[in-house]
Amino acid sequence: MPSATQWLLKNMQICSNTITQIRKKYNYWLSQLMKHKTNDPAQTDSIGRTLRRARERLGLDMKQAADAIHLNEAVIKALEAEDFERLPSQVFVRGYIRSYAKLLELDAEPLLVAQRQSMPEEQSMAPEAVSVEIKKPQPGLTYKGDPILLWTLILFISVTAGFSLAWWINQDDTSPAPLASVLEQNAIPEQQQASEPMAVPAATQVTESIAAPDPEQLQAPAQPTRPAPQQLPASQAAAGAEQPLPINQFTLSIRMVGNSWLEVVDQERTRILYGLYTAGMVETFTATGQLNIFLGNSPAVEVWLDDELLDHANYMSTNNVARFDINQAGLVAPSIN
């Protein structure tokens, strides 16, 4: 098995290096295409100037363009002024550019390339990268052949890895029979103990104690007696112990009355919902604890907590962007800025 693992790792390393080279060649080809494609106005003009000229060519003003793609007029102004710092993040900026270019009948890809070059990549909310030490491949291991053969090799390696993993899981599988036998052995003494009758004191002893009372006890006043605590049967006690404690859960429903970017993150910083949602879409799920919600177009989103519509207007900024937290009690200030 160690030799098969080494062979699998070696082939995976070859595939990884090959894919990296293909990606570099694609980026180089794309950059060369951007340099030589000068007939497109988006290559010679800036992003804002290209968008503004296309809008004016269609005879639209900023308000009409903003209403057509369900955005605020301030977003359109920021895009044409290339004031991207006023917008939430690069993810939303690229989405706005793509929607605006589609409205203006422009190719969005050159504009997105120019936008990436003008701003650094955003690192917030990105998963932590796992550092893996990979040795440099030898020059002879570089693959430069037919791409079809490359993908065939990748498919073969994937199938081989799947079979190897299944075999390893089957080898480590243990039978649950010993555990069941131990439980049965432990249950037998308990059943025997439960079946044994309880010892009852002899009736003669009770009669004698009643027939010959102590004279001093007769003179003492009678004291009130407390009833013995009543014990529940073992079956009822076990049933009560198995009942789970109440959990702080609530039902959240998000309904889209327009187009908006939506992001829902739980307490572990795990994304539950993420993406551009269109009008008419509804997302309903059960949550625990506290969630953080970000809305790109806040007026276009309805938030329902246990069939109750919540008003999140107090958390909306000037460009219709809103961020807040929600728990079983309702809306609270955001814990993530």
C-alpha atoms as a PDB file:
ATOM      1  CA  MET A   1       0.000   0.000   0.000  1.00  0.00           C
ATOM      2  CA  PRO A   2       2.776   2.565   0.646  1.00  0.00           C
ATOM      3  CA  SER A   3       4.030   2.121  -2.936  1.00  0.00           C
ATOM      4  CA  ALA A   4       0.536   2.701  -4.319  1.00  0.00           C
ATOM      5  CA  THR A   5       0.193   5.838  -2.162  1.00  0.00           C
ATOM      6  CA  GLN A   6       3.496   7.211  -3.427  1.00  0.00           C
ATOM      7  CA  TRP A   7       2.449   6.512  -7.012  1.00  0.00           C
ATOM      8  CA  LEU A   8      -0.880   8.275  -6.439  1.00  0.00           C
ATOM      9  CA  LEU A   9       0.771  11.324  -4.849  1.00  0.00           C
ATOM     10  CA  LYS A  10       3.305  11.526  -7.659  1.00  0.00           C
ATOM     11  CA  ASN A  11       0.594  11.507 -10.344  1.00  0.00           C
ATOM     12  CA  MET A  12      -1.491  14.059  -8.441  1.00  0.00           C
ATOM     13  CA  GLN A  13       1.564  16.314  -8.252  1.00  0.00           C
ATOM     14  CA  ILE A  14       2.081  15.969 -12.012  1.00  0.00           C
ATOM     15  CA  CYS A  15      -1.550  16.883 -12.655  1.00  0.00           C
ATOM     16  CA  SER A  16      -1.352  19.884 -10.332  1.00  0.00           C
ATOM     17  CA  ASN A  17       1.739  21.223 -12.091  1.00  0.00           C
ATOM     18  CA  THR A  18       0.155  20.696 -15.496  1.00  0.00           C
ATOM     19  CA  ILE A  19      -3.017  22.537 -14.518  1.00  0.00           C
ATOM     20  CA  THR A  20      -0.907  25.414 -13.151  1.00  0.00           C
ATOM     21  CA  GLN A  21       0.951  25.708 -16.457  1.00  0.00           C
ATOM     22  CA  ILE A  22      -2.337  25.660 -18.400  1.00  0.00           C
ATOM     23  CA  ARG A  23      -3.668  28.454 -16.188  1.00  0.00           C
ATOM     24  CA  LYS A  24      -0.537  30.555 -16.721  1.00  0.00           C
ATOM     25  CA  LYS A  25      -0.797  30.107 -20.497  1.00  0.00           C
ATOM     26  CA  TYR A  26      -4.469  31.089 -20.390  1.00  0.00           C
ATOM     27  CA  ASN A  27      -3.707  34.254 -18.420  1.00  0.00           C
ATOM     28  CA  TYR A  28      -0.889  35.120 -20.823  1.00  0.00           C
ATOM     29  CA  TRP A  29      -3.153  34.561 -23.823  1.00  0.00           C
ATOM     30  CA  LEU A  30      -5.876  36.687 -22.237  1.00  0.00           C
ATOM     31  CA  SER A  31      -3.444  39.546 -21.514  1.00  0.00           C
ATOM     32  CA  GLN A  32      -2.146  39.451 -25.096  1.00  0.00           C
ATOM     33  CA  LEU A  33      -5.694  39.510 -26.399  1.00  0.00           C
ATOM     34  CA  MET A  34      -6.459  42.558 -24.236  1.00  0.00           C
ATOM     35  CA  LYS A  35      -3.395  44.385 -25.629  1.00  0.00           C
ATOM     36  CA  HIS A  36      -4.171  43.760 -29.312  1.00  0.00           C
ATOM     37  CA  LYS A  37      -7.932  44.242 -29.145  1.00  0.00           C
ATOM     38  CA  THR A  38      -7.884  48.043 -29.548  1.00  0.00           C
ATOM     39  CA  ASN A  39     -11.123  48.404 -31.513  1.00  0.00           C
ATOM     40  CA  ASP A  40     -13.156  47.954 -28.345  1.00  0.00           C
ATOM     41  CA  PRO A  41     -13.713  51.312 -26.568  1.00  0.00           C
ATOM     42  CA  ALA A  42     -13.347  49.570 -23.216  1.00  0.00           C
ATOM     43  CA  GLN A  43      -9.646  48.927 -23.980  1.00  0.00           C
ATOM     44  CA  THR A  44      -8.668  52.522 -24.714  1.00  0.00           C
ATOM     45  CA  ASP A  45     -10.994  54.315 -22.329  1.00  0.00           C
ATOM     46  CA  SER A  46     -11.344  53.954 -18.585  1.00  0.00           C
ATOM     47  CA  ILE A  47     -14.126  51.895 -17.030  1.00  0.00           C
ATOM     48  CA  GLY A  48     -16.213  54.902 -16.046  1.00  0.00           C
ATOM     49  CA  ARG A  49     -15.811  56.661 -19.405  1.00  0.00           C
ATOM     50  CA  THR A  50     -16.782  53.485 -21.280  1.00  0.00           C
ATOM     51  CA  LEU A  51     -19.920  53.003 -19.192  1.00  0.00           C
ATOM     52  CA  ARG A  52     -20.930  56.648 -19.446  1.00  0.00           C
ATOM     53  CA  ARG A  53     -20.514  56.767 -23.255  1.00  0.00           C
ATOM     54  CA  ALA A  54     -22.512  53.571 -23.686  1.00  0.00           C
ATOM     55  CA  ARG A  55     -25.306  54.933 -21.480  1.00  0.00           C
ATOM     56  CA  GLU A  56     -25.420  58.210 -23.361  1.00  0.00           C
ATOM     57  CA  ARG A  57     -25.438  56.326 -26.645  1.00  0.00           C
ATOM     58  CA  LEU A  58     -28.612  54.546 -25.547  1.00  0.00           C
ATOM     59  CA  GLY A  59     -30.186  57.823 -24.396  1.00  0.00           C
ATOM     60  CA  LEU A  60     -30.484  56.844 -20.727  1.00  0.00           C
ATOM     61  CA  ASP A  61     -29.854  58.975 -17.695  1.00  0.00           C
ATOM     62  CA  MET A  62     -28.409  57.634 -14.440  1.00  0.00           C
ATOM     63  CA  LYS A  63     -31.794  57.209 -12.751  1.00  0.00           C
ATOM     64  CA  GLN A  64     -33.235  55.254 -15.658  1.00  0.00           C
ATOM     65  CA  ALA A  65     -30.195  52.996 -15.761  1.00  0.00           C
ATOM     66  CA  ALA A  66     -30.328  52.437 -11.998  1.00  0.00           C
ATOM     67  CA  ASP A  67     -34.045  51.551 -12.091  1.00  0.00           C
ATOM     68  CA  ALA A  68     -33.502  49.134 -14.976  1.00  0.00           C
ATOM     69  CA  ILE A  69     -31.033  46.983 -13.000  1.00  0.00           C
ATOM     70  CA  HIS A  70     -32.637  47.581  -9.568  1.00  0.00           C
ATOM     71  CA  LEU A  71     -29.729  49.566  -8.121  1.00  0.00           C
ATOM     72  CA  ASN A  72     -29.408  52.886  -6.370  1.00  0.00           C
ATOM     73  CA  GLU A  73     -28.449  55.913  -8.463  1.00  0.00           C
ATOM     74  CA  ALA A  74     -25.466  56.432  -6.156  1.00  0.00           C
ATOM     75  CA  VAL A  75     -24.063  53.066  -7.286  1.00  0.00           C
ATOM     76  CA  ILE A  76     -24.255  54.124 -10.940  1.00  0.00           C
ATOM     77  CA  LYS A  77     -22.491  57.393 -10.119  1.00  0.00           C
ATOM     78  CA  ALA A  78     -19.747  55.528  -8.252  1.00  0.00           C
ATOM     79  CA  LEU A  79     -19.207  53.124 -11.171  1.00  0.00           C
ATOM     80  CA  GLU A  80     -18.929  55.882 -13.779  1.00  0.00           C
ATOM     81  CA  ALA A  81     -16.677  57.919 -11.465  1.00  0.00           C
ATOM     82  CA  GLU A  82     -14.614  54.766 -10.696  1.00  0.00           C
ATOM     83  CA  ASP A  83     -15.073  55.520  -7.009  1.00  0.00           C
ATOM     84  CA  PHE A  84     -15.080  51.846  -6.025  1.00  0.00           C
ATOM     85  CA  GLU A  85     -14.182  52.573  -2.404  1.00  0.00           C
ATOM     86  CA  ARG A  86     -17.745  53.813  -1.807  1.00  0.00           C
ATOM     87  CA  LEU A  87     -19.121  50.409  -2.776  1.00  0.00           C
ATOM     88  CA  PRO A  88     -19.252  47.454  -0.315  1.00  0.00           C
ATOM     89  CA  SER A  89     -16.553  45.115  -1.675  1.00  0.00           C
ATOM     90  CA  GLN A  90     -14.945  43.944  -4.892  1.00  0.00           C
ATOM     91  CA  VAL A  91     -17.391  41.039  -5.138  1.00  0.00           C
ATOM     92  CA  PHE A  92     -20.305  43.471  -5.322  1.00  0.00           C
ATOM     93  CA  VAL A  93     -18.380  45.851  -7.598  1.00  0.00           C
ATOM     94  CA  ARG A  94     -17.833  43.090 -10.141  1.00  0.00           C
ATOM     95  CA  GLY A  95     -21.495  42.125  -9.935  1.00  0.00           C
ATOM     96  CA  TYR A  96     -22.570  45.741 -10.475  1.00  0.00           C
ATOM     97  CA  ILE A  97     -20.213  46.111 -13.465  1.00  0.00           C
ATOM     98  CA  ARG A  98     -21.495  42.887 -15.018  1.00  0.00           C
ATOM     99  CA  SER A  99     -25.157  43.929 -14.644  1.00  0.00           C
ATOM    100  CA  TYR A 100     -24.502  47.470 -15.898  1.00  0.00           C
ATOM    101  CA  ALA A 101     -22.510  46.235 -18.913  1.00  0.00           C
ATOM    102  CA  LYS A 102     -25.300  43.798 -19.818  1.00  0.00           C
ATOM    103  CA  LEU A 103     -27.816  46.662 -19.757  1.00  0.00           C
ATOM    104  CA  LEU A 104     -25.550  48.824 -21.949  1.00  0.00           C
ATOM    105  CA  GLU A 105     -24.877  45.928 -24.391  1.00  0.00           C
ATOM    106  CA  LEU A 106     -21.149  45.867 -23.563  1.00  0.00           C
ATOM    107  CA  ASP A 107     -18.719  43.004 -23.095  1.00  0.00           C
ATOM    108  CA  ALA A 108     -18.208  42.880 -19.330  1.00  0.00           C
ATOM    109  CA  GLU A 109     -15.015  40.804 -19.362  1.00  0.00           C
ATOM    110  CA  PRO A 110     -12.581  43.592 -20.433  1.00  0.00           C
ATOM    111  CA  LEU A 111     -14.123  45.917 -17.849  1.00  0.00           C
ATOM    112  CA  LEU A 112     -13.726  43.297 -15.108  1.00  0.00           C
ATOM    113  CA  VAL A 113     -10.090  42.733 -16.080  1.00  0.00           C
ATOM    114  CA  ALA A 114      -9.408  46.463 -15.861  1.00  0.00           C
ATOM    115  CA  GLN A 115     -11.176  46.640 -12.509  1.00  0.00           C
ATOM    116  CA  ARG A 116      -9.069  43.792 -11.086  1.00  0.00           C
ATOM    117  CA  GLN A 117      -5.893  45.546 -12.198  1.00  0.00           C
ATOM    118  CA  SER A 118      -6.955  48.836 -10.598  1.00  0.00           C
ATOM    119  CA  MET A 119      -7.788  47.425  -7.168  1.00  0.00           C
ATOM    120  CA  PRO A 120      -6.023  44.810  -4.992  1.00  0.00           C
ATOM    121  CA  GLU A 121      -7.754  41.562  -4.248  1.00  0.00           C
ATOM    122  CA  GLU A 122      -9.929  41.608  -1.143  1.00  0.00           C
ATOM    123  CA  GLN A 123      -9.001  39.109   1.554  1.00  0.00           C
ATOM    124  CA  SER A 124     -11.873  39.555   4.024  1.00  0.00           C
ATOM    125  CA  MET A 125     -14.108  36.550   4.789  1.00  0.00           C
ATOM    126  CA  ALA A 126     -11.712  34.338   2.817  1.00  0.00           C
ATOM    127  CA  PRO A 127     -10.895  30.898   4.242  1.00  0.00           C
ATOM    128  CA  GLU A 128      -7.467  30.433   5.709  1.00  0.00           C
ATOM    129  CA  ALA A 129      -5.037  28.946   3.251  1.00  0.00           C
ATOM    130  CA  VAL A 130      -3.417  25.678   4.231  1.00  0.00           C
ATOM    131  CA  SER A 131       0.279  25.698   3.512  1.00  0.00           C
ATOM    132  CA  VAL A 132       1.421  22.482   1.843  1.00  0.00           C
ATOM    133  CA  GLU A 133       5.048  21.840   1.144  1.00  0.00           C
ATOM    134  CA  ILE A 134       5.440  20.547  -2.413  1.00  0.00           C
ATOM    135  CA  LYS A 135       8.793  19.608  -3.823  1.00  0.00           C
ATOM    136  CA  LYS A 136       9.835  21.047  -7.154  1.00  0.00           C
ATOM    137  CA  PRO A 137       9.112  18.588  -9.935  1.00  0.00           C
ATOM    138  CA  GLN A 138      11.928  17.387 -12.097  1.00  0.00           C
ATOM    139  CA  PRO A 139      12.070  18.843 -15.610  1.00  0.00           C
ATOM    140  CA  GLY A 140      11.333  15.416 -17.084  1.00  0.00           C
ATOM    141  CA  LEU A 141       7.963  15.223 -15.259  1.00  0.00           C
ATOM    142  CA  THR A 142       6.458  18.242 -17.065  1.00  0.00           C
ATOM    143  CA  TYR A 143       3.627  17.153 -19.341  1.00  0.00           C
ATOM    144  CA  LYS A 144       3.217  18.934 -22.684  1.00  0.00           C
ATOM    145  CA  GLY A 145       1.134  16.415 -24.639  1.00  0.00           C
ATOM    146  CA  ASP A 146      -2.464  16.075 -25.735  1.00  0.00           C
ATOM    147  CA  PRO A 147      -4.998  17.691 -23.319  1.00  0.00           C
ATOM    148  CA  ILE A 148      -7.400  14.772 -23.878  1.00  0.00           C
ATOM    149  CA  LEU A 149      -4.779  12.374 -22.582  1.00  0.00           C
ATOM    150  CA  LEU A 150      -4.243  14.662 -19.582  1.00  0.00           C
ATOM    151  CA  TRP A 151      -7.926  14.630 -18.605  1.00  0.00           C
ATOM    152  CA  THR A 152      -8.050  10.858 -19.135  1.00  0.00           C
ATOM    153  CA  LEU A 153      -5.145  10.509 -16.728  1.00  0.00           C
ATOM    154  CA  ILE A 154      -6.864  12.758 -14.184  1.00  0.00           C
ATOM    155  CA  LEU A 155     -10.045  10.662 -14.423  1.00  0.00           C
ATOM    156  CA  PHE A 156      -8.069   7.450 -13.970  1.00  0.00           C
ATOM    157  CA  ILE A 157      -6.286   8.835 -10.903  1.00  0.00           C
ATOM    158  CA  SER A 158      -9.594   9.977  -9.385  1.00  0.00           C
ATOM    159  CA  VAL A 159     -11.187   6.540  -9.842  1.00  0.00           C
ATOM    160  CA  THR A 160      -8.095   4.829  -8.412  1.00  0.00           C
ATOM    161  CA  ALA A 161      -8.123   7.132  -5.396  1.00  0.00           C
ATOM    162  CA  GLY A 162     -11.819   6.400  -4.809  1.00  0.00           C
ATOM    163  CA  PHE A 163     -11.281   2.629  -4.875  1.00  0.00           C
ATOM    164  CA  SER A 164      -8.248   2.935  -2.572  1.00  0.00           C
ATOM    165  CA  LEU A 165     -10.245   4.991  -0.076  1.00  0.00           C
ATOM    166  CA  ALA A 166     -13.128   2.484  -0.137  1.00  0.00           C
ATOM    167  CA  TRP A 167     -10.729  -0.407   0.435  1.00  0.00           C
ATOM    168  CA  TRP A 168      -9.078   1.389   3.351  1.00  0.00           C
ATOM    169  CA  ILE A 169     -12.459   2.116   4.971  1.00  0.00           C
ATOM    170  CA  ASN A 170     -13.514  -1.531   4.625  1.00  0.00           C
ATOM    171  CA  GLN A 171     -10.255  -2.685   6.197  1.00  0.00           C
ATOM    172  CA  ASP A 172     -10.804  -0.481   9.269  1.00  0.00           C
ATOM    173  CA  ASP A 173     -14.464  -1.474   9.639  1.00  0.00           C
ATOM    174  CA  THR A 174     -15.149  -3.199  12.953  1.00  0.00           C
ATOM    175  CA  SER A 175     -18.122  -5.368  13.866  1.00  0.00           C
ATOM    176  CA  PRO A 176     -20.524  -3.981  16.510  1.00  0.00           C
ATOM    177  CA  ALA A 177     -21.226  -7.499  17.871  1.00  0.00           C
ATOM    178  CA  PRO A 178     -18.837  -7.278  20.902  1.00  0.00           C
ATOM    179  CA  LEU A 179     -20.476  -4.062  22.066  1.00  0.00           C
ATOM    180  CA  ALA A 180     -23.939  -5.590  21.782  1.00  0.00           C
ATOM    181  CA  SER A 181     -22.857  -8.664  23.776  1.00  0.00           C
ATOM    182  CA  VAL A 182     -21.424  -6.476  26.557  1.00  0.00           C
ATOM    183  CA  LEU A 183     -24.668  -4.533  26.765  1.00  0.00           C
ATOM    184  CA  GLU A 184     -26.664  -7.771  26.976  1.00  0.00           C
ATOM    185  CA  GLN A 185     -24.425  -9.059  29.774  1.00  0.00           C
ATOM    186  CA  ASN A 186     -24.878  -5.823  31.711  1.00  0.00           C
ATOM    187  CA  ALA A 187     -28.638  -5.919  31.166  1.00  0.00           C
ATOM    188  CA  ILE A 188     -29.068  -9.495  32.563  1.00  0.00           C
ATOM    189  CA  PRO A 189     -28.080  -8.649  36.205  1.00  0.00           C
ATOM    190  CA  GLU A 190     -30.321  -5.586  36.125  1.00  0.00           C
ATOM    191  CA  GLN A 191     -33.284  -7.677  34.992  1.00  0.00           C
ATOM    192  CA  GLN A 192     -32.591 -10.285  37.671  1.00  0.00           C
ATOM    193  CA  GLN A 193     -32.345  -7.582  40.323  1.00  0.00           C
ATOM    194  CA  ALA A 194     -35.620  -6.042  39.185  1.00  0.00           C
ATOM    195  CA  SER A 195     -37.410  -9.435  39.205  1.00  0.00           C
ATOM    196  CA  GLU A 196     -36.406 -10.284  42.831  1.00  0.00           C
ATOM    197  CA  PRO A 197     -39.243  -9.489  45.303  1.00  0.00           C
ATOM    198  CA  MET A 198     -38.613  -7.069  48.121  1.00  0.00           C
ATOM    199  CA  ALA A 199     -38.344  -8.474  51.631  1.00  0.00           C
ATOM    200  CA  VAL A 200     -41.456  -7.819  53.806  1.00  0.00           C
ATOM    201  CA  PRO A 201     -41.069  -7.792  57.633  1.00  0.00           C
ATOM    202  CA  ALA A 202     -42.920 -10.482  59.526  1.00  0.00           C
ATOM    203  CA  ALA A 203     -46.443  -9.672  60.700  1.00  0.00           C
ATOM    204  CA  THR A 204     -45.722 -10.937  64.229  1.00  0.00           C
ATOM    205  CA  GLN A 205     -43.077  -8.284  64.739  1.00  0.00           C
ATOM    206  CA  VAL A 206     -45.489  -5.525  63.783  1.00  0.00           C
ATOM    207  CA  THR A 207     -48.148  -6.982  66.083  1.00  0.00           C
ATOM    208  CA  GLU A 208     -45.784  -7.176  69.015  1.00  0.00           C
ATOM    209  CA  SER A 209     -44.604  -3.587  68.577  1.00  0.00           C
ATOM    210  CA  ILE A 210     -48.203  -2.397  68.558  1.00  0.00           C
ATOM    211  CA  ALA A 211     -49.323  -4.601  71.449  1.00  0.00           C
ATOM    212  CA  ALA A 212     -46.595  -3.529  73.860  1.00  0.00           C
ATOM    213  CA  PRO A 213     -46.046   0.235  73.563  1.00  0.00           C
ATOM    214  CA  ASP A 214     -43.755   2.140  75.854  1.00  0.00           C
ATOM    215  CA  PRO A 215     -45.640   4.102  78.601  1.00  0.00           C
ATOM    216  CA  GLU A 216     -43.482   7.144  78.056  1.00  0.00           C
ATOM    217  CA  GLN A 217     -44.416   7.155  74.414  1.00  0.00           C
ATOM    218  CA  LEU A 218     -48.112   7.137  75.308  1.00  0.00           C
ATOM    219  CA  GLN A 219     -47.738  10.335  77.345  1.00  0.00           C
ATOM    220  CA  ALA A 220     -45.848  12.191  74.565  1.00  0.00           C
ATOM    221  CA  PRO A 221     -48.028  14.202  72.135  1.00  0.00           C
ATOM    222  CA  ALA A 222     -48.393  12.780  68.688  1.00  0.00           C
ATOM    223  CA  GLN A 223     -46.028  14.261  66.140  1.00  0.00           C
ATOM    224  CA  PRO A 224     -47.185  14.879  62.551  1.00  0.00           C
ATOM    225  CA  THR A 225     -45.696  12.394  60.172  1.00  0.00           C
ATOM    226  CA  ARG A 226     -44.521  13.247  56.677  1.00  0.00           C
ATOM    227  CA  PRO A 227     -45.412  10.927  53.842  1.00  0.00           C
ATOM    228  CA  ALA A 228     -42.498   9.053  52.341  1.00  0.00           C
ATOM    229  CA  PRO A 229     -41.308  10.510  49.028  1.00  0.00           C
ATOM    230  CA  GLN A 230     -42.942   8.718  46.145  1.00  0.00           C
ATOM    231  CA  GLN A 231     -40.437   7.228  43.747  1.00  0.00           C
ATOM    232  CA  LEU A 232     -41.142   7.139  40.042  1.00  0.00           C
ATOM    233  CA  PRO A 233     -40.882   3.839  38.179  1.00  0.00           C
ATOM    234  CA  ALA A 234     -37.584   3.214  36.420  1.00  0.00           C
ATOM    235  CA  SER A 235     -39.237   3.394  32.970  1.00  0.00           C
ATOM    236  CA  GLN A 236     -40.663   6.899  33.651  1.00  0.00           C
ATOM    237  CA  ALA A 237     -37.332   8.149  35.057  1.00  0.00           C
ATOM    238  CA  ALA A 238     -35.481   6.887  31.979  1.00  0.00           C
ATOM    239  CA  ALA A 239     -38.032   8.519  29.672  1.00  0.00           C
ATOM    240  CA  GLY A 240     -37.639  11.844  31.487  1.00  0.00           C
ATOM    241  CA  ALA A 241     -33.834  11.655  31.267  1.00  0.00           C
ATOM    242  CA  GLU A 242     -33.936  11.082  27.497  1.00  0.00           C
ATOM    243  CA  GLN A 243     -35.883  14.271  26.780  1.00  0.00           C
ATOM    244  CA  PRO A 244     -33.502  16.861  25.209  1.00  0.00           C
ATOM    245  CA  LEU A 245     -33.093  20.322  26.637  1.00  0.00           C
ATOM    246  CA  PRO A 246     -34.746  23.169  24.723  1.00  0.00           C
ATOM    247  CA  ILE A 247     -32.434  24.684  22.108  1.00  0.00           C
ATOM    248  CA  ASN A 248     -32.287  28.335  21.075  1.00  0.00           C
ATOM    249  CA  GLN A 249     -33.644  27.740  17.569  1.00  0.00           C
ATOM    250  CA  PHE A 250     -35.728  29.880  15.259  1.00  0.00           C
ATOM    251  CA  THR A 251     -37.103  29.740  11.736  1.00  0.00           C
ATOM    252  CA  LEU A 252     -35.758  32.372   9.319  1.00  0.00           C
ATOM    253  CA  SER A 253     -37.372  33.116   5.956  1.00  0.00           C
ATOM    254  CA  ILE A 254     -35.819  35.537   3.433  1.00  0.00           C
ATOM    255  CA  ARG A 255     -38.060  36.629   0.561  1.00  0.00           C
ATOM    256  CA  MET A 256     -36.829  38.604  -2.438  1.00  0.00           C
ATOM    257  CA  VAL A 257     -39.117  41.314  -3.810  1.00  0.00           C
ATOM    258  CA  GLY A 258     -36.316  42.524  -6.099  1.00  0.00           C
ATOM    259  CA  ASN A 259     -32.748  41.688  -7.112  1.00  0.00           C
ATOM    260  CA  SER A 260     -30.151  41.890  -4.339  1.00  0.00           C
ATOM    261  CA  TRP A 261     -26.889  40.403  -3.189  1.00  0.00           C
ATOM    262  CA  LEU A 262     -27.428  38.217  -0.089  1.00  0.00           C
ATOM    263  CA  GLU A 263     -24.958  36.790   2.403  1.00  0.00           C
ATOM    264  CA  VAL A 264     -25.853  34.900   5.632  1.00  0.00           C
ATOM    265  CA  VAL A 265     -23.044  33.799   8.004  1.00  0.00           C
ATOM    266  CA  ASP A 266     -23.427  31.803  11.234  1.00  0.00           C
ATOM    267  CA  GLN A 267     -21.453  32.107  14.498  1.00  0.00           C
ATOM    268  CA  GLU A 268     -18.703  29.845  13.130  1.00  0.00           C
ATOM    269  CA  ARG A 269     -18.184  32.235  10.162  1.00  0.00           C
ATOM    270  CA  THR A 270     -19.666  29.608   7.807  1.00  0.00           C
ATOM    271  CA  ARG A 271     -21.645  30.933   4.856  1.00  0.00           C
ATOM    272  CA  ILE A 272     -25.213  29.600   4.763  1.00  0.00           C
ATOM    273  CA  LEU A 273     -26.423  31.748   1.821  1.00  0.00           C
ATOM    274  CA  TYR A 274     -24.196  33.640  -0.625  1.00  0.00           C
ATOM    275  CA  GLY A 275     -24.844  35.092  -4.063  1.00  0.00           C
ATOM    276  CA  LEU A 276     -27.057  37.314  -6.192  1.00  0.00           C
ATOM    277  CA  TYR A 277     -30.754  36.495  -5.622  1.00  0.00           C
ATOM    278  CA  THR A 278     -33.525  37.629  -7.967  1.00  0.00           C
ATOM    279  CA  ALA A 279     -37.103  38.696  -7.318  1.00  0.00           C
ATOM    280  CA  GLY A 280     -39.459  35.918  -6.262  1.00  0.00           C
ATOM    281  CA  MET A 281     -36.840  33.691  -4.635  1.00  0.00           C
ATOM    282  CA  VAL A 282     -37.531  32.485  -1.057  1.00  0.00           C
ATOM    283  CA  GLU A 283     -35.038  30.872   1.335  1.00  0.00           C
ATOM    284  CA  THR A 284     -36.416  29.297   4.557  1.00  0.00           C
ATOM    285  CA  PHE A 285     -34.321  27.378   7.101  1.00  0.00           C
ATOM    286  CA  THR A 286     -33.977  26.710  10.842  1.00  0.00           C
ATOM    287  CA  ALA A 287     -31.058  28.409  12.602  1.00  0.00           C
ATOM    288  CA  THR A 288     -29.470  28.224  16.048  1.00  0.00           C
ATOM    289  CA  GLY A 289     -27.750  30.995  17.988  1.00  0.00           C
ATOM    290  CA  GLN A 290     -27.022  34.225  16.086  1.00  0.00           C
ATOM    291  CA  LEU A 291     -26.598  34.926  12.345  1.00  0.00           C
ATOM    292  CA  ASN A 292     -25.002  37.829  10.470  1.00  0.00           C
ATOM    293  CA  ILE A 293     -26.875  39.043   7.371  1.00  0.00           C
ATOM    294  CA  PHE A 294     -25.614  41.352   4.595  1.00  0.00           C
ATOM    295  CA  LEU A 295     -28.006  42.808   1.997  1.00  0.00           C
ATOM    296  CA  GLY A 296     -26.703  44.550  -1.130  1.00  0.00           C
ATOM    297  CA  ASN A 297     -30.118  46.035  -1.975  1.00  0.00           C
ATOM    298  CA  SER A 298     -31.902  46.198   1.376  1.00  0.00           C
ATOM    299  CA  PRO A 299     -35.335  47.522   0.188  1.00  0.00           C
ATOM    300  CA  ALA A 300     -35.649  44.478  -2.102  1.00  0.00           C
ATOM    301  CA  VAL A 301     -35.422  41.926   0.745  1.00  0.00           C
ATOM    302  CA  GLU A 302     -37.995  40.880   3.365  1.00  0.00           C
ATOM    303  CA  VAL A 303     -36.734  39.134   6.529  1.00  0.00           C
ATOM    304  CA  TRP A 304     -39.284  36.998   8.431  1.00  0.00           C
ATOM    305  CA  LEU A 305     -38.544  35.606  11.911  1.00  0.00           C
ATOM    306  CA  ASP A 306     -40.975  32.839  12.920  1.00  0.00           C
ATOM    307  CA  ASP A 307     -43.682  34.204  10.543  1.00  0.00           C
ATOM    308  CA  GLU A 308     -43.109  37.804  11.732  1.00  0.00           C
ATOM    309  CA  LEU A 309     -41.850  40.462   9.279  1.00  0.00           C
ATOM    310  CA  LEU A 310     -38.884  42.415  10.697  1.00  0.00           C
ATOM    311  CA  ASP A 311     -38.060  46.053   9.885  1.00  0.00           C
ATOM    312  CA  HIS A 312     -34.344  46.374   9.073  1.00  0.00           C
ATOM    313  CA  ALA A 313     -34.473  49.957   7.806  1.00  0.00           C
ATOM    314  CA  ASN A 314     -32.459  51.211  10.814  1.00  0.00           C
ATOM    315  CA  TYR A 315     -29.455  49.180   9.646  1.00  0.00           C
ATOM    316  CA  MET A 316     -29.531  50.454   6.020  1.00  0.00           C
ATOM    317  CA  SER A 317     -26.840  52.870   4.795  1.00  0.00           C
ATOM    318  CA  THR A 318     -27.156  55.575   2.139  1.00  0.00           C
ATOM    319  CA  ASN A 319     -26.473  53.196  -0.760  1.00  0.00           C
ATOM    320  CA  ASN A 320     -29.192  50.704   0.332  1.00  0.00           C
ATOM    321  CA  VAL A 321     -26.612  48.327   1.814  1.00  0.00           C
ATOM    322  CA  ALA A 322     -27.547  46.805   5.208  1.00  0.00           C
ATOM    323  CA  ARG A 323     -25.738  44.555   7.667  1.00  0.00           C
ATOM    324  CA  PHE A 324     -27.161  43.299  10.960  1.00  0.00           C
ATOM    325  CA  ASP A 325     -27.309  40.268  13.273  1.00  0.00           C
ATOM    326  CA  ILE A 326     -30.429  38.240  14.049  1.00  0.00           C
ATOM    327  CA  ASN A 327     -31.247  35.768  16.797  1.00  0.00           C
ATOM    328  CA  GLN A 328     -34.364  34.315  18.416  1.00  0.00           C
ATOM    329  CA  ALA A 329     -35.206  37.689  19.984  1.00  0.00           C
ATOM    330  CA  GLY A 330     -34.941  39.707  16.739  1.00  0.00           C
ATOM    331  CA  LEU A 331     -32.480  42.127  15.082  1.00  0.00           C
ATOM    332  CA  VAL A 332     -29.327  43.306  16.876  1.00  0.00           C
ATOM    333  CA  ALA A 333     -26.256  45.345  15.960  1.00  0.00           C
ATOM    334  CA  PRO A 334     -23.864  43.538  13.591  1.00  0.00           C
ATOM    335  CA  SER A 335     -20.918  41.679  15.093  1.00  0.00           C
ATOM    336  CA  ILE A 336     -19.135  41.651  11.685  1.00  0.00           C
ATOM    337  CA  ASN A 337     -18.428  44.993  10.011  1.00  0.00           C
END
